């Protein structure tokens, strides 16, 4: 295995990680921003209010994107094993 192969493996792993985590992180960020704006406009400063909507939205995103996430992980794992076979 050359340095180029190792760098390619690391780059692909980071890309897949970013691709899989981005829907969850973006959802949490948007919901947190919306709840923060609502809390500011209503002058409610309770930190636990933002927790439940974030949790529910993250759960919904995981349920909605579960098939795509599983397919992405399966494709990456298959490609990884095929690349290992070459060495």
PDB file of N, CA and C in Angstrom:
ATOM      1  N   UNK A   1       0.849  -1.173   0.000  1.00  0.00           N
ATOM      2  CA  UNK A   1       0.000   0.000   0.000  1.00  0.00           C
ATOM      3  C   UNK A   1       0.894   1.234   0.000  1.00  0.00           C
ATOM      4  N   UNK A   2       0.639   2.087  -0.938  1.00  0.00           N
ATOM      5  CA  UNK A   2       1.432   3.307  -1.039  1.00  0.00           C
ATOM      6  C   UNK A   2       0.794   4.420  -0.215  1.00  0.00           C
ATOM      7  N   UNK A   3       1.512   5.517  -0.127  1.00  0.00           N
ATOM      8  CA  UNK A   3       0.988   6.668   0.609  1.00  0.00           C
ATOM      9  C   UNK A   3      -0.268   7.221  -0.058  1.00  0.00           C
ATOM     10  N   UNK A   4      -0.304   7.180  -1.362  1.00  0.00           N
ATOM     11  CA  UNK A   4      -1.467   7.680  -2.096  1.00  0.00           C
ATOM     12  C   UNK A   4      -2.704   6.844  -1.765  1.00  0.00           C
ATOM     13  N   UNK A   5      -2.515   5.521  -1.673  1.00  0.00           N
ATOM     14  CA  UNK A   5      -3.635   4.649  -1.326  1.00  0.00           C
ATOM     15  C   UNK A   5      -4.140   4.932   0.084  1.00  0.00           C
ATOM     16  N   UNK A   6      -3.222   5.122   1.014  1.00  0.00           N
ATOM     17  CA  UNK A   6      -3.614   5.418   2.392  1.00  0.00           C
ATOM     18  C   UNK A   6      -4.342   6.756   2.484  1.00  0.00           C
ATOM     19  N   UNK A   7      -3.844   7.747   1.771  1.00  0.00           N
ATOM     20  CA  UNK A   7      -4.495   9.061   1.774  1.00  0.00           C
ATOM     21  C   UNK A   7      -5.883   8.966   1.144  1.00  0.00           C
ATOM     22  N   UNK A   8      -6.010   8.171   0.100  1.00  0.00           N
ATOM     23  CA  UNK A   8      -7.317   7.983  -0.536  1.00  0.00           C
ATOM     24  C   UNK A   8      -8.297   7.325   0.424  1.00  0.00           C
ATOM     25  N   UNK A   9      -7.840   6.315   1.155  1.00  0.00           N
ATOM     26  CA  UNK A   9      -8.711   5.658   2.134  1.00  0.00           C
ATOM     27  C   UNK A   9      -9.161   6.630   3.220  1.00  0.00           C
ATOM     28  N   UNK A  10      -8.245   7.413   3.722  1.00  0.00           N
ATOM     29  CA  UNK A  10      -8.583   8.381   4.774  1.00  0.00           C
ATOM     30  C   UNK A  10      -9.529   9.445   4.235  1.00  0.00           C
ATOM     31  N   UNK A  11      -9.256   9.938   3.035  1.00  0.00           N
ATOM     32  CA  UNK A  11     -10.122  10.959   2.429  1.00  0.00           C
ATOM     33  C   UNK A  11     -11.540  10.429   2.219  1.00  0.00           C
ATOM     34  N   UNK A  12     -11.641   9.198   1.712  1.00  0.00           N
ATOM     35  CA  UNK A  12     -12.960   8.608   1.486  1.00  0.00           C
ATOM     36  C   UNK A  12     -13.701   8.378   2.801  1.00  0.00           C
ATOM     37  N   UNK A  13     -12.980   7.949   3.834  1.00  0.00           N
ATOM     38  CA  UNK A  13     -13.615   7.732   5.136  1.00  0.00           C
ATOM     39  C   UNK A  13     -14.143   9.038   5.710  1.00  0.00           C
ATOM     40  N   UNK A  14     -13.355  10.096   5.599  1.00  0.00           N
ATOM     41  CA  UNK A  14     -13.811  11.400   6.090  1.00  0.00           C
ATOM     42  C   UNK A  14     -14.997  11.918   5.283  1.00  0.00           C
ATOM     43  N   UNK A  15     -14.974  11.710   3.977  1.00  0.00           N
ATOM     44  CA  UNK A  15     -16.079  12.160   3.137  1.00  0.00           C
ATOM     45  C   UNK A  15     -17.369  11.418   3.475  1.00  0.00           C
ATOM     46  N   UNK A  16     -17.285  10.107   3.660  1.00  0.00           N
ATOM     47  CA  UNK A  16     -18.476   9.325   4.012  1.00  0.00           C
ATOM     48  C   UNK A  16     -18.992   9.738   5.388  1.00  0.00           C
ATOM     49  N   UNK A  17     -18.091   9.973   6.324  1.00  0.00           N
ATOM     50  CA  UNK A  17     -18.501  10.425   7.656  1.00  0.00           C
ATOM     51  C   UNK A  17     -19.217  11.763   7.581  1.00  0.00           C
ATOM     52  N   UNK A  18     -18.677  12.674   6.814  1.00  0.00           N
ATOM     53  CA  UNK A  18     -19.310  13.985   6.644  1.00  0.00           C
ATOM     54  C   UNK A  18     -20.660  13.855   5.951  1.00  0.00           C
ATOM     55  N   UNK A  19     -20.714  13.019   4.945  1.00  0.00           N
ATOM     56  CA  UNK A  19     -21.952  12.825   4.195  1.00  0.00           C
ATOM     57  C   UNK A  19     -23.044  12.207   5.071  1.00  0.00           C
ATOM     58  N   UNK A  20     -22.673  11.276   5.940  1.00  0.00           N
ATOM     59  CA  UNK A  20     -23.661  10.626   6.797  1.00  0.00           C
ATOM     60  C   UNK A  20     -24.105  11.505   7.963  1.00  0.00           C
ATOM     61  N   UNK A  21     -23.209  12.319   8.474  1.00  0.00           N
ATOM     62  CA  UNK A  21     -23.561  13.126   9.644  1.00  0.00           C
ATOM     63  C   UNK A  21     -24.209  14.455   9.297  1.00  0.00           C
ATOM     64  N   UNK A  22     -24.055  14.911   8.063  1.00  0.00           N
ATOM     65  CA  UNK A  22     -24.564  16.242   7.724  1.00  0.00           C
ATOM     66  C   UNK A  22     -26.079  16.397   7.844  1.00  0.00           C
ATOM     67  N   UNK A  23     -26.918  15.431   7.437  1.00  0.00           N
ATOM     68  CA  UNK A  23     -28.359  15.648   7.636  1.00  0.00           C
ATOM     69  C   UNK A  23     -28.741  15.794   9.108  1.00  0.00           C
ATOM     70  N   UNK A  24     -28.111  15.025   9.968  1.00  0.00           N
ATOM     71  CA  UNK A  24     -28.423  15.083  11.396  1.00  0.00           C
ATOM     72  C   UNK A  24     -27.944  16.399  11.991  1.00  0.00           C
ATOM     73  N   UNK A  25     -26.728  16.784  11.666  1.00  0.00           N
ATOM     74  CA  UNK A  25     -26.182  18.024  12.221  1.00  0.00           C
ATOM     75  C   UNK A  25     -26.918  19.256  11.708  1.00  0.00           C
ATOM     76  N   UNK A  26     -27.248  19.269  10.428  1.00  0.00           N
ATOM     77  CA  UNK A  26     -27.973  20.410   9.873  1.00  0.00           C
ATOM     78  C   UNK A  26     -29.375  20.522  10.470  1.00  0.00           C
ATOM     79  N   UNK A  27     -30.027  19.380  10.679  1.00  0.00           N
ATOM     80  CA  UNK A  27     -31.351  19.399  11.301  1.00  0.00           C
ATOM     81  C   UNK A  27     -31.278  19.941  12.714  1.00  0.00           C
ATOM     82  N   UNK A  28     -30.321  19.471  13.489  1.00  0.00           N
ATOM     83  CA  UNK A  28     -30.174  19.960  14.862  1.00  0.00           C
ATOM     84  C   UNK A  28     -29.864  21.451  14.877  1.00  0.00           C
ATOM     85  N   UNK A  29     -29.050  21.905  13.932  1.00  0.00           N
ATOM     86  CA  UNK A  29     -28.710  23.323  13.876  1.00  0.00           C
ATOM     87  C   UNK A  29     -29.928  24.176  13.526  1.00  0.00           C
ATOM     88  N   UNK A  30     -30.697  23.754  12.531  1.00  0.00           N
ATOM     89  CA  UNK A  30     -31.872  24.526  12.113  1.00  0.00           C
ATOM     90  C   UNK A  30     -32.929  24.547  13.209  1.00  0.00           C
ATOM     91  N   UNK A  31     -33.195  23.388  13.811  1.00  0.00           N
ATOM     92  CA  UNK A  31     -34.191  23.339  14.889  1.00  0.00           C
ATOM     93  C   UNK A  31     -33.719  24.164  16.078  1.00  0.00           C
ATOM     94  N   UNK A  32     -32.454  24.082  16.419  1.00  0.00           N
ATOM     95  CA  UNK A  32     -31.921  24.893  17.515  1.00  0.00           C
ATOM     96  C   UNK A  32     -32.037  26.378  17.236  1.00  0.00           C
ATOM     97  N   UNK A  33     -31.777  26.763  15.996  1.00  0.00           N
ATOM     98  CA  UNK A  33     -31.905  28.170  15.615  1.00  0.00           C
ATOM     99  C   UNK A  33     -33.357  28.641  15.706  1.00  0.00           C
ATOM    100  N   UNK A  34     -34.277  27.834  15.209  1.00  0.00           N
ATOM    101  CA  UNK A  34     -35.695  28.198  15.275  1.00  0.00           C
ATOM    102  C   UNK A  34     -36.173  28.295  16.716  1.00  0.00           C
ATOM    103  N   UNK A  35     -35.812  27.320  17.536  1.00  0.00           N
ATOM    104  CA  UNK A  35     -36.209  27.351  18.949  1.00  0.00           C
ATOM    105  C   UNK A  35     -35.570  28.546  19.645  1.00  0.00           C
ATOM    106  N   UNK A  36     -34.328  28.838  19.321  1.00  0.00           N
ATOM    107  CA  UNK A  36     -33.658  30.000  19.913  1.00  0.00           C
ATOM    108  C   UNK A  36     -34.346  31.303  19.561  1.00  0.00           C
ATOM    109  N   UNK A  37     -34.758  31.428  18.300  1.00  0.00           N
ATOM    110  CA  UNK A  37     -35.481  32.637  17.889  1.00  0.00           C
ATOM    111  C   UNK A  37     -36.820  32.729  18.612  1.00  0.00           C
ATOM    112  N   UNK A  38     -37.531  31.603  18.702  1.00  0.00           N
ATOM    113  CA  UNK A  38     -38.813  31.610  19.415  1.00  0.00           C
ATOM    114  C   UNK A  38     -38.633  31.941  20.895  1.00  0.00           C
ATOM    115  N   UNK A  39     -37.596  31.396  21.512  1.00  0.00           N
ATOM    116  CA  UNK A  39     -37.343  31.694  22.923  1.00  0.00           C
ATOM    117  C   UNK A  39     -36.986  33.162  23.114  1.00  0.00           C
ATOM    118  N   UNK A  40     -36.255  33.716  22.193  1.00  0.00           N
ATOM    119  CA  UNK A  40     -35.877  35.123  22.306  1.00  0.00           C
ATOM    120  C   UNK A  40     -37.088  36.036  22.140  1.00  0.00           C
ATOM    121  N   UNK A  41     -37.934  35.721  21.175  1.00  0.00           N
ATOM    122  CA  UNK A  41     -39.096  36.586  20.942  1.00  0.00           C
ATOM    123  C   UNK A  41     -40.125  36.484  22.058  1.00  0.00           C
ATOM    124  N   UNK A  42     -40.208  35.329  22.708  1.00  0.00           N
ATOM    125  CA  UNK A  42     -41.182  35.174  23.796  1.00  0.00           C
ATOM    126  C   UNK A  42     -40.559  35.391  25.166  1.00  0.00           C
ATOM    127  N   UNK A  43     -39.283  35.683  25.221  1.00  0.00           N
ATOM    128  CA  UNK A  43     -38.547  35.922  26.475  1.00  0.00           C
ATOM    129  C   UNK A  43     -38.565  34.723  27.417  1.00  0.00           C
ATOM    130  N   UNK A  44     -38.668  33.528  26.856  1.00  0.00           N
ATOM    131  CA  UNK A  44     -38.567  32.303  27.657  1.00  0.00           C
ATOM    132  C   UNK A  44     -37.115  31.845  27.575  1.00  0.00           C
ATOM    133  N   UNK A  45     -36.434  31.795  28.694  1.00  0.00           N
ATOM    134  CA  UNK A  45     -35.012  31.441  28.701  1.00  0.00           C
ATOM    135  C   UNK A  45     -34.776  30.111  29.415  1.00  0.00           C
ATOM    136  N   UNK A  46     -35.561  29.121  29.075  1.00  0.00           N
ATOM    137  CA  UNK A  46     -35.416  27.791  29.661  1.00  0.00           C
ATOM    138  C   UNK A  46     -34.595  26.919  28.701  1.00  0.00           C
ATOM    139  N   UNK A  47     -33.410  26.473  29.120  1.00  0.00           N
ATOM    140  CA  UNK A  47     -32.553  25.716  28.198  1.00  0.00           C
ATOM    141  C   UNK A  47     -33.087  24.327  27.846  1.00  0.00           C
ATOM    142  N   UNK A  48     -33.956  23.771  28.677  1.00  0.00           N
ATOM    143  CA  UNK A  48     -34.448  22.419  28.400  1.00  0.00           C
ATOM    144  C   UNK A  48     -35.530  22.397  27.329  1.00  0.00           C
ATOM    145  N   UNK A  49     -36.095  23.555  26.994  1.00  0.00           N
ATOM    146  CA  UNK A  49     -37.152  23.593  25.979  1.00  0.00           C
ATOM    147  C   UNK A  49     -36.605  23.183  24.611  1.00  0.00           C
ATOM    148  N   UNK A  50     -35.401  23.508  24.304  1.00  0.00           N
ATOM    149  CA  UNK A  50     -34.821  23.190  22.996  1.00  0.00           C
ATOM    150  C   UNK A  50     -34.453  21.718  22.867  1.00  0.00           C
ATOM    151  N   UNK A  51     -34.344  21.015  23.965  1.00  0.00           N
ATOM    152  CA  UNK A  51     -33.864  19.634  23.918  1.00  0.00           C
ATOM    153  C   UNK A  51     -34.855  18.698  23.234  1.00  0.00           C
ATOM    154  N   UNK A  52     -36.110  18.750  23.621  1.00  0.00           N
ATOM    155  CA  UNK A  52     -37.106  17.811  23.094  1.00  0.00           C
ATOM    156  C   UNK A  52     -37.330  17.994  21.590  1.00  0.00           C
ATOM    157  N   UNK A  53     -37.533  19.210  21.079  1.00  0.00           N
ATOM    158  CA  UNK A  53     -37.688  19.335  19.619  1.00  0.00           C
ATOM    159  C   UNK A  53     -36.455  18.866  18.839  1.00  0.00           C
ATOM    160  N   UNK A  54     -35.273  19.144  19.365  1.00  0.00           N
ATOM    161  CA  UNK A  54     -34.058  18.669  18.691  1.00  0.00           C
ATOM    162  C   UNK A  54     -34.020  17.150  18.670  1.00  0.00           C
ATOM    163  N   UNK A  55     -34.329  16.542  19.798  1.00  0.00           N
ATOM    164  CA  UNK A  55     -34.306  15.089  19.897  1.00  0.00           C
ATOM    165  C   UNK A  55     -35.306  14.459  18.933  1.00  0.00           C
ATOM    166  N   UNK A  56     -36.516  14.992  18.893  1.00  0.00           N
ATOM    167  CA  UNK A  56     -37.538  14.454  17.993  1.00  0.00           C
ATOM    168  C   UNK A  56     -37.173  14.663  16.525  1.00  0.00           C
ATOM    169  N   UNK A  57     -36.629  15.818  16.205  1.00  0.00           N
ATOM    170  CA  UNK A  57     -36.260  16.073  14.811  1.00  0.00           C
ATOM    171  C   UNK A  57     -35.088  15.197  14.374  1.00  0.00           C
ATOM    172  N   UNK A  58     -34.136  14.997  15.253  1.00  0.00           N
ATOM    173  CA  UNK A  58     -33.005  14.118  14.922  1.00  0.00           C
ATOM    174  C   UNK A  58     -33.487  12.687  14.730  1.00  0.00           C
ATOM    175  N   UNK A  59     -34.388  12.235  15.593  1.00  0.00           N
ATOM    176  CA  UNK A  59     -34.950  10.893  15.448  1.00  0.00           C
ATOM    177  C   UNK A  59     -35.684  10.769  14.115  1.00  0.00           C
ATOM    178  N   UNK A  60     -36.467  11.786  13.755  1.00  0.00           N
ATOM    179  CA  UNK A  60     -37.199  11.754  12.485  1.00  0.00           C
ATOM    180  C   UNK A  60     -36.246  11.713  11.295  1.00  0.00           C
ATOM    181  N   UNK A  61     -35.175  12.483  11.354  1.00  0.00           N
ATOM    182  CA  UNK A  61     -34.203  12.489  10.255  1.00  0.00           C
ATOM    183  C   UNK A  61     -33.519  11.132  10.144  1.00  0.00           C
ATOM    184  N   UNK A  62     -33.199  10.529  11.259  1.00  0.00           N
ATOM    185  CA  UNK A  62     -32.572   9.203  11.218  1.00  0.00           C
ATOM    186  C   UNK A  62     -33.526   8.182  10.613  1.00  0.00           C
ATOM    187  N   UNK A  63     -34.802   8.247  10.987  1.00  0.00           N
ATOM    188  CA  UNK A  63     -35.786   7.314  10.428  1.00  0.00           C
ATOM    189  C   UNK A  63     -35.955   7.549   8.925  1.00  0.00           C
ATOM    190  N   UNK A  64     -36.036   8.809   8.525  1.00  0.00           N
ATOM    191  CA  UNK A  64     -36.243   9.129   7.109  1.00  0.00           C
ATOM    192  C   UNK A  64     -35.035   8.733   6.260  1.00  0.00           C
ATOM    193  N   UNK A  65     -33.841   9.015   6.745  1.00  0.00           N
ATOM    194  CA  UNK A  65     -32.628   8.778   5.962  1.00  0.00           C
ATOM    195  C   UNK A  65     -31.936   7.452   6.288  1.00  0.00           C
ATOM    196  N   UNK A  66     -32.561   6.588   7.065  1.00  0.00           N
ATOM    197  CA  UNK A  66     -31.903   5.346   7.482  1.00  0.00           C
ATOM    198  C   UNK A  66     -31.519   4.473   6.288  1.00  0.00           C
ATOM    199  N   UNK A  67     -32.406   4.346   5.324  1.00  0.00           N
ATOM    200  CA  UNK A  67     -32.107   3.522   4.148  1.00  0.00           C
ATOM    201  C   UNK A  67     -30.923   4.053   3.361  1.00  0.00           C
ATOM    202  N   UNK A  68     -30.916   5.368   3.147  1.00  0.00           N
ATOM    203  CA  UNK A  68     -29.816   5.989   2.416  1.00  0.00           C
ATOM    204  C   UNK A  68     -28.502   5.857   3.192  1.00  0.00           C
ATOM    205  N   UNK A  69     -28.563   6.049   4.501  1.00  0.00           N
ATOM    206  CA  UNK A  69     -27.356   5.937   5.327  1.00  0.00           C
ATOM    207  C   UNK A  69     -26.813   4.514   5.291  1.00  0.00           C
ATOM    208  N   UNK A  70     -27.700   3.543   5.406  1.00  0.00           N
ATOM    209  CA  UNK A  70     -27.268   2.149   5.372  1.00  0.00           C
ATOM    210  C   UNK A  70     -26.672   1.802   4.012  1.00  0.00           C
ATOM    211  N   UNK A  71     -27.297   2.272   2.941  1.00  0.00           N
ATOM    212  CA  UNK A  71     -26.773   2.013   1.599  1.00  0.00           C
ATOM    213  C   UNK A  71     -25.404   2.658   1.407  1.00  0.00           C
ATOM    214  N   UNK A  72     -25.239   3.876   1.906  1.00  0.00           N
ATOM    215  CA  UNK A  72     -23.953   4.566   1.793  1.00  0.00           C
ATOM    216  C   UNK A  72     -22.869   3.817   2.564  1.00  0.00           C
ATOM    217  N   UNK A  73     -23.183   3.387   3.784  1.00  0.00           N
ATOM    218  CA  UNK A  73     -22.198   2.634   4.571  1.00  0.00           C
ATOM    219  C   UNK A  73     -21.876   1.295   3.922  1.00  0.00           C
ATOM    220  N   UNK A  74     -22.890   0.630   3.369  1.00  0.00           N
ATOM    221  CA  UNK A  74     -22.666  -0.652   2.704  1.00  0.00           C
ATOM    222  C   UNK A  74     -21.789  -0.482   1.467  1.00  0.00           C
ATOM    223  N   UNK A  75     -22.070   0.542   0.671  1.00  0.00           N
ATOM    224  CA  UNK A  75     -21.249   0.800  -0.521  1.00  0.00           C
ATOM    225  C   UNK A  75     -19.801   1.099  -0.144  1.00  0.00           C
ATOM    226  N   UNK A  76     -19.614   1.923   0.882  1.00  0.00           N
ATOM    227  CA  UNK A  76     -18.253   2.258   1.297  1.00  0.00           C
ATOM    228  C   UNK A  76     -17.523   1.017   1.815  1.00  0.00           C
ATOM    229  N   UNK A  77     -18.216   0.210   2.613  1.00  0.00           N
ATOM    230  CA  UNK A  77     -17.585  -0.999   3.154  1.00  0.00           C
ATOM    231  C   UNK A  77     -17.220  -1.964   2.035  1.00  0.00           C
ATOM    232  N   UNK A  78     -18.122  -2.134   1.071  1.00  0.00           N
ATOM    233  CA  UNK A  78     -17.829  -3.011  -0.069  1.00  0.00           C
ATOM    234  C   UNK A  78     -16.626  -2.492  -0.857  1.00  0.00           C
ATOM    235  N   UNK A  79     -16.597  -1.192  -1.121  1.00  0.00           N
ATOM    236  CA  UNK A  79     -15.460  -0.605  -1.834  1.00  0.00           C
ATOM    237  C   UNK A  79     -14.164  -0.761  -1.046  1.00  0.00           C
ATOM    238  N   UNK A  80     -14.255  -0.632   0.264  1.00  0.00           N
ATOM    239  CA  UNK A  80     -13.075  -0.782   1.115  1.00  0.00           C
ATOM    240  C   UNK A  80     -12.536  -2.205   1.044  1.00  0.00           C
ATOM    241  N   UNK A  81     -13.427  -3.197   1.124  1.00  0.00           N
ATOM    242  CA  UNK A  81     -12.981  -4.584   1.035  1.00  0.00           C
ATOM    243  C   UNK A  81     -12.418  -4.903  -0.351  1.00  0.00           C
ATOM    244  N   UNK A  82     -13.010  -4.343  -1.387  1.00  0.00           N
ATOM    245  CA  UNK A  82     -12.473  -4.564  -2.732  1.00  0.00           C
ATOM    246  C   UNK A  82     -11.095  -3.934  -2.882  1.00  0.00           C
ATOM    247  N   UNK A  83     -10.893  -2.783  -2.261  1.00  0.00           N
ATOM    248  CA  UNK A  83      -9.589  -2.134  -2.324  1.00  0.00           C
ATOM    249  C   UNK A  83      -8.553  -2.937  -1.526  1.00  0.00           C
ATOM    250  N   UNK A  84      -8.973  -3.505  -0.404  1.00  0.00           N
ATOM    251  CA  UNK A  84      -8.053  -4.313   0.405  1.00  0.00           C
ATOM    252  C   UNK A  84      -7.635  -5.566  -0.361  1.00  0.00           C
ATOM    253  N   UNK A  85      -8.564  -6.140  -1.130  1.00  0.00           N
ATOM    254  CA  UNK A  85      -8.237  -7.334  -1.909  1.00  0.00           C
ATOM    255  C   UNK A  85      -7.125  -7.075  -2.924  1.00  0.00           C
ATOM    256  N   UNK A  86      -7.048  -5.846  -3.416  1.00  0.00           N
ATOM    257  CA  UNK A  86      -6.014  -5.523  -4.408  1.00  0.00           C
ATOM    258  C   UNK A  86      -4.611  -5.575  -3.808  1.00  0.00           C
ATOM    259  N   UNK A  87      -4.516  -5.443  -2.496  1.00  0.00           N
ATOM    260  CA  UNK A  87      -3.197  -5.423  -1.873  1.00  0.00           C
ATOM    261  C   UNK A  87      -2.910  -6.790  -1.413  1.00  0.00           C
TER     262      UNK A  87
END
